[in-house]
Amino acid sequence: MSEYQTWLAEWFSAQAPDVSLAPQDNFFDIGAIDSFGVIELIEAAEDAFDIRFSNDDFQDRRFSSIAGLAEILSEKKSDAVSV
């Protein structure tokens, strides 16, 4: 599990302790997060990893699971380092 997956799993565990969420599960479909929770998740991830999401990131189909969001975070961090 990547550092991003670990961080996301811990974040979801703290926010929705009664929900069992595997890395590939769609966290919207399972009900692990609502629209307000998405805002909290975005702010927490941006602060934790010193990145900024773009509107395109929110449209990315991967922005629905821990594994997918971890990939986006990894790409954002790589882009930030190479700039």
PDB file of N, CA and C in Angstrom:
ATOM      1  N   MET A   1       0.856  -1.173   0.000  1.00  0.00           N
ATOM      2  CA  MET A   1       0.000   0.000   0.000  1.00  0.00           C
ATOM      3  C   MET A   1       0.903   1.238   0.000  1.00  0.00           C
ATOM      4  N   SER A   2       0.619   2.172  -0.888  1.00  0.00           N
ATOM      5  CA  SER A   2       1.429   3.387  -0.980  1.00  0.00           C
ATOM      6  C   SER A   2       1.156   4.306   0.206  1.00  0.00           C
ATOM      7  N   GLU A   3       2.034   5.274   0.396  1.00  0.00           N
ATOM      8  CA  GLU A   3       1.822   6.233   1.488  1.00  0.00           C
ATOM      9  C   GLU A   3       0.510   6.982   1.296  1.00  0.00           C
ATOM     10  N   TYR A   4       0.119   7.203   0.034  1.00  0.00           N
ATOM     11  CA  TYR A   4      -1.132   7.910  -0.247  1.00  0.00           C
ATOM     12  C   TYR A   4      -2.332   7.034   0.100  1.00  0.00           C
ATOM     13  N   GLN A   5      -2.261   5.753  -0.256  1.00  0.00           N
ATOM     14  CA  GLN A   5      -3.344   4.836   0.097  1.00  0.00           C
ATOM     15  C   GLN A   5      -3.466   4.704   1.613  1.00  0.00           C
ATOM     16  N   THR A   6      -2.337   4.615   2.283  1.00  0.00           N
ATOM     17  CA  THR A   6      -2.353   4.507   3.741  1.00  0.00           C
ATOM     18  C   THR A   6      -2.987   5.737   4.363  1.00  0.00           C
ATOM     19  N   TRP A   7      -2.570   6.916   3.907  1.00  0.00           N
ATOM     20  CA  TRP A   7      -3.123   8.164   4.440  1.00  0.00           C
ATOM     21  C   TRP A   7      -4.628   8.226   4.192  1.00  0.00           C
ATOM     22  N   LEU A   8      -5.058   7.904   2.971  1.00  0.00           N
ATOM     23  CA  LEU A   8      -6.482   7.940   2.633  1.00  0.00           C
ATOM     24  C   LEU A   8      -7.276   6.928   3.453  1.00  0.00           C
ATOM     25  N   ALA A   9      -6.746   5.719   3.610  1.00  0.00           N
ATOM     26  CA  ALA A   9      -7.432   4.697   4.410  1.00  0.00           C
ATOM     27  C   ALA A   9      -7.602   5.166   5.851  1.00  0.00           C
ATOM     28  N   GLU A  10      -6.572   5.790   6.400  1.00  0.00           N
ATOM     29  CA  GLU A  10      -6.657   6.308   7.770  1.00  0.00           C
ATOM     30  C   GLU A  10      -7.656   7.455   7.855  1.00  0.00           C
ATOM     31  N   TRP A  11      -7.658   8.325   6.843  1.00  0.00           N
ATOM     32  CA  TRP A  11      -8.603   9.452   6.831  1.00  0.00           C
ATOM     33  C   TRP A  11     -10.034   8.933   6.807  1.00  0.00           C
ATOM     34  N   PHE A  12     -10.320   7.988   5.904  1.00  0.00           N
ATOM     35  CA  PHE A  12     -11.675   7.433   5.816  1.00  0.00           C
ATOM     36  C   PHE A  12     -12.047   6.679   7.083  1.00  0.00           C
ATOM     37  N   SER A  13     -11.104   5.977   7.678  1.00  0.00           N
ATOM     38  CA  SER A  13     -11.373   5.250   8.913  1.00  0.00           C
ATOM     39  C   SER A  13     -11.778   6.204  10.033  1.00  0.00           C
ATOM     40  N   ALA A  14     -11.131   7.361  10.081  1.00  0.00           N
ATOM     41  CA  ALA A  14     -11.461   8.356  11.101  1.00  0.00           C
ATOM     42  C   ALA A  14     -12.803   9.034  10.815  1.00  0.00           C
ATOM     43  N   GLN A  15     -13.104   9.258   9.545  1.00  0.00           N
ATOM     44  CA  GLN A  15     -14.327   9.965   9.168  1.00  0.00           C
ATOM     45  C   GLN A  15     -15.561   9.058   9.153  1.00  0.00           C
ATOM     46  N   ALA A  16     -15.372   7.816   8.770  1.00  0.00           N
ATOM     47  CA  ALA A  16     -16.488   6.870   8.655  1.00  0.00           C
ATOM     48  C   ALA A  16     -16.085   5.528   9.267  1.00  0.00           C
ATOM     49  N   PRO A  17     -15.942   5.481  10.596  1.00  0.00           N
ATOM     50  CA  PRO A  17     -15.425   4.268  11.241  1.00  0.00           C
ATOM     51  C   PRO A  17     -16.315   3.036  11.074  1.00  0.00           C
ATOM     52  N   ASP A  18     -17.579   3.226  10.769  1.00  0.00           N
ATOM     53  CA  ASP A  18     -18.493   2.093  10.628  1.00  0.00           C
ATOM     54  C   ASP A  18     -18.536   1.525   9.215  1.00  0.00           C
ATOM     55  N   VAL A  19     -17.791   2.151   8.289  1.00  0.00           N
ATOM     56  CA  VAL A  19     -17.814   1.730   6.889  1.00  0.00           C
ATOM     57  C   VAL A  19     -16.538   0.965   6.565  1.00  0.00           C
ATOM     58  N   SER A  20     -16.696  -0.229   6.020  1.00  0.00           N
ATOM     59  CA  SER A  20     -15.550  -1.017   5.568  1.00  0.00           C
ATOM     60  C   SER A  20     -15.271  -0.644   4.118  1.00  0.00           C
ATOM     61  N   LEU A  21     -14.075  -0.144   3.858  1.00  0.00           N
ATOM     62  CA  LEU A  21     -13.745   0.398   2.545  1.00  0.00           C
ATOM     63  C   LEU A  21     -12.446  -0.208   2.039  1.00  0.00           C
ATOM     64  N   ALA A  22     -12.536  -1.009   0.979  1.00  0.00           N
ATOM     65  CA  ALA A  22     -11.351  -1.577   0.331  1.00  0.00           C
ATOM     66  C   ALA A  22     -10.789  -0.546  -0.647  1.00  0.00           C
ATOM     67  N   PRO A  23      -9.508  -0.655  -1.003  1.00  0.00           N
ATOM     68  CA  PRO A  23      -8.883   0.344  -1.880  1.00  0.00           C
ATOM     69  C   PRO A  23      -9.605   0.577  -3.207  1.00  0.00           C
ATOM     70  N   GLN A  24     -10.246  -0.445  -3.765  1.00  0.00           N
ATOM     71  CA  GLN A  24     -10.926  -0.305  -5.057  1.00  0.00           C
ATOM     72  C   GLN A  24     -12.398   0.086  -4.932  1.00  0.00           C
ATOM     73  N   ASP A  25     -12.935   0.098  -3.725  1.00  0.00           N
ATOM     74  CA  ASP A  25     -14.352   0.421  -3.537  1.00  0.00           C
ATOM     75  C   ASP A  25     -14.637   1.878  -3.887  1.00  0.00           C
ATOM     76  N   ASN A  26     -15.788   2.107  -4.507  1.00  0.00           N
ATOM     77  CA  ASN A  26     -16.230   3.465  -4.801  1.00  0.00           C
ATOM     78  C   ASN A  26     -16.773   4.064  -3.510  1.00  0.00           C
ATOM     79  N   PHE A  27     -16.057   5.052  -2.955  1.00  0.00           N
ATOM     80  CA  PHE A  27     -16.465   5.576  -1.657  1.00  0.00           C
ATOM     81  C   PHE A  27     -17.759   6.370  -1.717  1.00  0.00           C
ATOM     82  N   PHE A  28     -18.176   6.823  -2.888  1.00  0.00           N
ATOM     83  CA  PHE A  28     -19.474   7.490  -3.024  1.00  0.00           C
ATOM     84  C   PHE A  28     -20.604   6.464  -2.978  1.00  0.00           C
ATOM     85  N   ASP A  29     -20.451   5.367  -3.740  1.00  0.00           N
ATOM     86  CA  ASP A  29     -21.482   4.331  -3.799  1.00  0.00           C
ATOM     87  C   ASP A  29     -21.700   3.661  -2.448  1.00  0.00           C
ATOM     88  N   ILE A  30     -20.631   3.483  -1.701  1.00  0.00           N
ATOM     89  CA  ILE A  30     -20.720   2.823  -0.395  1.00  0.00           C
ATOM     90  C   ILE A  30     -21.298   3.756   0.669  1.00  0.00           C
ATOM     91  N   GLY A  31     -21.254   5.044   0.412  1.00  0.00           N
ATOM     92  CA  GLY A  31     -21.758   6.013   1.379  1.00  0.00           C
ATOM     93  C   GLY A  31     -20.736   6.406   2.422  1.00  0.00           C
ATOM     94  N   ALA A  32     -19.459   6.224   2.106  1.00  0.00           N
ATOM     95  CA  ALA A  32     -18.396   6.570   3.048  1.00  0.00           C
ATOM     96  C   ALA A  32     -18.153   8.072   3.102  1.00  0.00           C
ATOM     97  N   ILE A  33     -18.697   8.807   2.125  1.00  0.00           N
ATOM     98  CA  ILE A  33     -18.446  10.242   2.067  1.00  0.00           C
ATOM     99  C   ILE A  33     -19.623  10.925   1.375  1.00  0.00           C
ATOM    100  N   ASP A  34     -19.925  12.145   1.808  1.00  0.00           N
ATOM    101  CA  ASP A  34     -20.953  12.948   1.153  1.00  0.00           C
ATOM    102  C   ASP A  34     -20.294  14.201   0.578  1.00  0.00           C
ATOM    103  N   SER A  35     -21.082  15.120   0.045  1.00  0.00           N
ATOM    104  CA  SER A  35     -20.506  16.294  -0.621  1.00  0.00           C
ATOM    105  C   SER A  35     -19.685  17.155   0.337  1.00  0.00           C
ATOM    106  N   PHE A  36     -20.138  17.306   1.576  1.00  0.00           N
ATOM    107  CA  PHE A  36     -19.359  18.066   2.546  1.00  0.00           C
ATOM    108  C   PHE A  36     -18.065  17.330   2.882  1.00  0.00           C
ATOM    109  N   GLY A  37     -18.149  16.021   2.974  1.00  0.00           N
ATOM    110  CA  GLY A  37     -16.963  15.214   3.244  1.00  0.00           C
ATOM    111  C   GLY A  37     -15.925  15.321   2.148  1.00  0.00           C
ATOM    112  N   VAL A  38     -16.385  15.453   0.901  1.00  0.00           N
ATOM    113  CA  VAL A  38     -15.451  15.623  -0.216  1.00  0.00           C
ATOM    114  C   VAL A  38     -14.640  16.897  -0.024  1.00  0.00           C
ATOM    115  N   ILE A  39     -15.307  17.965   0.388  1.00  0.00           N
ATOM    116  CA  ILE A  39     -14.604  19.231   0.630  1.00  0.00           C
ATOM    117  C   ILE A  39     -13.567  19.053   1.731  1.00  0.00           C
ATOM    118  N   GLU A  40     -13.950  18.375   2.807  1.00  0.00           N
ATOM    119  CA  GLU A  40     -13.006  18.123   3.898  1.00  0.00           C
ATOM    120  C   GLU A  40     -11.828  17.273   3.431  1.00  0.00           C
ATOM    121  N   LEU A  41     -12.118  16.251   2.625  1.00  0.00           N
ATOM    122  CA  LEU A  41     -11.066  15.379   2.100  1.00  0.00           C
ATOM    123  C   LEU A  41     -10.107  16.166   1.218  1.00  0.00           C
ATOM    124  N   ILE A  42     -10.635  16.984   0.343  1.00  0.00           N
ATOM    125  CA  ILE A  42      -9.801  17.791  -0.552  1.00  0.00           C
ATOM    126  C   ILE A  42      -8.884  18.702   0.251  1.00  0.00           C
ATOM    127  N   GLU A  43      -9.451  19.416   1.213  1.00  0.00           N
ATOM    128  CA  GLU A  43      -8.644  20.322   2.039  1.00  0.00           C
ATOM    129  C   GLU A  43      -7.573  19.565   2.817  1.00  0.00           C
ATOM    130  N   ALA A  44      -7.939  18.441   3.391  1.00  0.00           N
ATOM    131  CA  ALA A  44      -6.981  17.661   4.180  1.00  0.00           C
ATOM    132  C   ALA A  44      -5.855  17.125   3.303  1.00  0.00           C
ATOM    133  N   ALA A  45      -6.197  16.595   2.130  1.00  0.00           N
ATOM    134  CA  ALA A  45      -5.174  16.046   1.229  1.00  0.00           C
ATOM    135  C   ALA A  45      -4.270  17.148   0.693  1.00  0.00           C
ATOM    136  N   GLU A  46      -4.857  18.287   0.328  1.00  0.00           N
ATOM    137  CA  GLU A  46      -4.034  19.391  -0.170  1.00  0.00           C
ATOM    138  C   GLU A  46      -3.051  19.861   0.896  1.00  0.00           C
ATOM    139  N   ASP A  47      -3.509  19.939   2.130  1.00  0.00           N
ATOM    140  CA  ASP A  47      -2.625  20.355   3.226  1.00  0.00           C
ATOM    141  C   ASP A  47      -1.571  19.294   3.539  1.00  0.00           C
ATOM    142  N   ALA A  48      -1.982  18.038   3.573  1.00  0.00           N
ATOM    143  CA  ALA A  48      -1.064  16.957   3.943  1.00  0.00           C
ATOM    144  C   ALA A  48       0.046  16.761   2.921  1.00  0.00           C
ATOM    145  N   PHE A  49      -0.273  16.939   1.647  1.00  0.00           N
ATOM    146  CA  PHE A  49       0.700  16.633   0.594  1.00  0.00           C
ATOM    147  C   PHE A  49       1.186  17.863  -0.165  1.00  0.00           C
ATOM    148  N   ASP A  50       0.759  19.035   0.269  1.00  0.00           N
ATOM    149  CA  ASP A  50       1.188  20.298  -0.340  1.00  0.00           C
ATOM    150  C   ASP A  50       0.963  20.290  -1.858  1.00  0.00           C
ATOM    151  N   ILE A  51      -0.253  19.933  -2.241  1.00  0.00           N
ATOM    152  CA  ILE A  51      -0.647  19.926  -3.655  1.00  0.00           C
ATOM    153  C   ILE A  51      -1.949  20.711  -3.776  1.00  0.00           C
ATOM    154  N   ARG A  52      -2.365  20.959  -5.006  1.00  0.00           N
ATOM    155  CA  ARG A  52      -3.655  21.589  -5.268  1.00  0.00           C
ATOM    156  C   ARG A  52      -4.361  20.791  -6.354  1.00  0.00           C
ATOM    157  N   PHE A  53      -5.604  20.448  -6.096  1.00  0.00           N
ATOM    158  CA  PHE A  53      -6.404  19.753  -7.097  1.00  0.00           C
ATOM    159  C   PHE A  53      -6.926  20.757  -8.117  1.00  0.00           C
ATOM    160  N   SER A  54      -7.109  20.283  -9.337  1.00  0.00           N
ATOM    161  CA  SER A  54      -7.719  21.097 -10.389  1.00  0.00           C
ATOM    162  C   SER A  54      -9.131  20.577 -10.655  1.00  0.00           C
ATOM    163  N   ASN A  55      -9.909  21.347 -11.393  1.00  0.00           N
ATOM    164  CA  ASN A  55     -11.253  20.893 -11.751  1.00  0.00           C
ATOM    165  C   ASN A  55     -11.204  19.585 -12.526  1.00  0.00           C
ATOM    166  N   ASP A  56     -10.180  19.415 -13.352  1.00  0.00           N
ATOM    167  CA  ASP A  56     -10.037  18.164 -14.108  1.00  0.00           C
ATOM    168  C   ASP A  56      -9.881  16.961 -13.181  1.00  0.00           C
ATOM    169  N   ASP A  57      -9.207  17.150 -12.057  1.00  0.00           N
ATOM    170  CA  ASP A  57      -9.025  16.047 -11.112  1.00  0.00           C
ATOM    171  C   ASP A  57     -10.367  15.542 -10.586  1.00  0.00           C
ATOM    172  N   PHE A  58     -11.303  16.453 -10.368  1.00  0.00           N
ATOM    173  CA  PHE A  58     -12.606  16.061  -9.827  1.00  0.00           C
ATOM    174  C   PHE A  58     -13.441  15.298 -10.857  1.00  0.00           C
ATOM    175  N   GLN A  59     -13.141  15.483 -12.128  1.00  0.00           N
ATOM    176  CA  GLN A  59     -13.842  14.773 -13.199  1.00  0.00           C
ATOM    177  C   GLN A  59     -13.196  13.421 -13.513  1.00  0.00           C
ATOM    178  N   ASP A  60     -11.997  13.214 -13.018  1.00  0.00           N
ATOM    179  CA  ASP A  60     -11.263  11.966 -13.249  1.00  0.00           C
ATOM    180  C   ASP A  60     -12.027  10.814 -12.592  1.00  0.00           C
ATOM    181  N   ARG A  61     -12.294   9.759 -13.363  1.00  0.00           N
ATOM    182  CA  ARG A  61     -13.060   8.628 -12.827  1.00  0.00           C
ATOM    183  C   ARG A  61     -12.358   7.962 -11.650  1.00  0.00           C
ATOM    184  N   ARG A  62     -11.052   8.159 -11.529  1.00  0.00           N
ATOM    185  CA  ARG A  62     -10.311   7.571 -10.408  1.00  0.00           C
ATOM    186  C   ARG A  62     -10.626   8.272  -9.092  1.00  0.00           C
ATOM    187  N   PHE A  63     -11.212   9.475  -9.165  1.00  0.00           N
ATOM    188  CA  PHE A  63     -11.536  10.236  -7.962  1.00  0.00           C
ATOM    189  C   PHE A  63     -12.803   9.659  -7.313  1.00  0.00           C
ATOM    190  N   SER A  64     -12.771   8.364  -7.051  1.00  0.00           N
ATOM    191  CA  SER A  64     -13.922   7.704  -6.434  1.00  0.00           C
ATOM    192  C   SER A  64     -13.514   6.525  -5.558  1.00  0.00           C
ATOM    193  N   SER A  65     -12.217   6.249  -5.506  1.00  0.00           N
ATOM    194  CA  SER A  65     -11.736   5.146  -4.673  1.00  0.00           C
ATOM    195  C   SER A  65     -10.403   5.545  -4.041  1.00  0.00           C
ATOM    196  N   ILE A  66     -10.052   4.844  -3.000  1.00  0.00           N
ATOM    197  CA  ILE A  66      -8.769   5.102  -2.344  1.00  0.00           C
ATOM    198  C   ILE A  66      -7.625   4.857  -3.315  1.00  0.00           C
ATOM    199  N   ALA A  67      -7.672   3.739  -4.039  1.00  0.00           N
ATOM    200  CA  ALA A  67      -6.592   3.416  -4.981  1.00  0.00           C
ATOM    201  C   ALA A  67      -6.496   4.467  -6.083  1.00  0.00           C
ATOM    202  N   GLY A  68      -7.628   4.861  -6.631  1.00  0.00           N
ATOM    203  CA  GLY A  68      -7.626   5.850  -7.706  1.00  0.00           C
ATOM    204  C   GLY A  68      -7.174   7.213  -7.241  1.00  0.00           C
ATOM    205  N   LEU A  69      -7.674   7.643  -6.096  1.00  0.00           N
ATOM    206  CA  LEU A  69      -7.279   8.947  -5.574  1.00  0.00           C
ATOM    207  C   LEU A  69      -5.803   8.949  -5.191  1.00  0.00           C
ATOM    208  N   ALA A  70      -5.300   7.825  -4.717  1.00  0.00           N
ATOM    209  CA  ALA A  70      -3.868   7.719  -4.410  1.00  0.00           C
ATOM    210  C   ALA A  70      -3.035   7.907  -5.673  1.00  0.00           C
ATOM    211  N   GLU A  71      -3.501   7.372  -6.800  1.00  0.00           N
ATOM    212  CA  GLU A  71      -2.800   7.578  -8.074  1.00  0.00           C
ATOM    213  C   GLU A  71      -2.783   9.057  -8.451  1.00  0.00           C
ATOM    214  N   ILE A  72      -3.913   9.716  -8.296  1.00  0.00           N
ATOM    215  CA  ILE A  72      -3.988  11.147  -8.604  1.00  0.00           C
ATOM    216  C   ILE A  72      -3.036  11.925  -7.701  1.00  0.00           C
ATOM    217  N   LEU A  73      -3.033  11.617  -6.408  1.00  0.00           N
ATOM    218  CA  LEU A  73      -2.131  12.296  -5.477  1.00  0.00           C
ATOM    219  C   LEU A  73      -0.674  12.079  -5.868  1.00  0.00           C
ATOM    220  N   SER A  74      -0.328  10.863  -6.228  1.00  0.00           N
ATOM    221  CA  SER A  74       1.039  10.558  -6.639  1.00  0.00           C
ATOM    222  C   SER A  74       1.429  11.374  -7.869  1.00  0.00           C
ATOM    223  N   GLU A  75       0.527  11.456  -8.830  1.00  0.00           N
ATOM    224  CA  GLU A  75       0.798  12.247 -10.036  1.00  0.00           C
ATOM    225  C   GLU A  75       0.935  13.730  -9.709  1.00  0.00           C
ATOM    226  N   LYS A  76       0.057  14.240  -8.841  1.00  0.00           N
ATOM    227  CA  LYS A  76       0.120  15.656  -8.460  1.00  0.00           C
ATOM    228  C   LYS A  76       1.447  15.958  -7.766  1.00  0.00           C
ATOM    229  N   LYS A  77       1.863  15.069  -6.888  1.00  0.00           N
ATOM    230  CA  LYS A  77       3.111  15.273  -6.150  1.00  0.00           C
ATOM    231  C   LYS A  77       4.301  15.202  -7.099  1.00  0.00           C
ATOM    232  N   SER A  78       4.273  14.268  -8.047  1.00  0.00           N
ATOM    233  CA  SER A  78       5.353  14.160  -9.038  1.00  0.00           C
ATOM    234  C   SER A  78       5.424  15.409  -9.901  1.00  0.00           C
ATOM    235  N   ASP A  79       4.258  15.923 -10.307  1.00  0.00           N
ATOM    236  CA  ASP A  79       4.217  17.151 -11.104  1.00  0.00           C
ATOM    237  C   ASP A  79       4.778  18.330 -10.318  1.00  0.00           C
ATOM    238  N   ALA A  80       4.456  18.398  -9.029  1.00  0.00           N
ATOM    239  CA  ALA A  80       4.926  19.507  -8.199  1.00  0.00           C
ATOM    240  C   ALA A  80       6.442  19.462  -8.027  1.00  0.00           C
ATOM    241  N   VAL A  81       6.998  18.265  -7.932  1.00  0.00           N
ATOM    242  CA  VAL A  81       8.440  18.111  -7.747  1.00  0.00           C
ATOM    243  C   VAL A  81       9.188  18.457  -9.026  1.00  0.00           C
ATOM    244  N   SER A  82       8.611  18.101 -10.183  1.00  0.00           N
ATOM    245  CA  SER A  82       9.308  18.321 -11.452  1.00  0.00           C
ATOM    246  C   SER A  82       9.187  19.746 -11.972  1.00  0.00           C
ATOM    247  N   VAL A  83       8.352  20.564 -11.358  1.00  0.00           N
ATOM    248  CA  VAL A  83       8.183  21.952 -11.820  1.00  0.00           C
ATOM    249  C   VAL A  83       9.228  22.843 -11.216  1.00  0.00           C
TER     250      VAL A  83
END
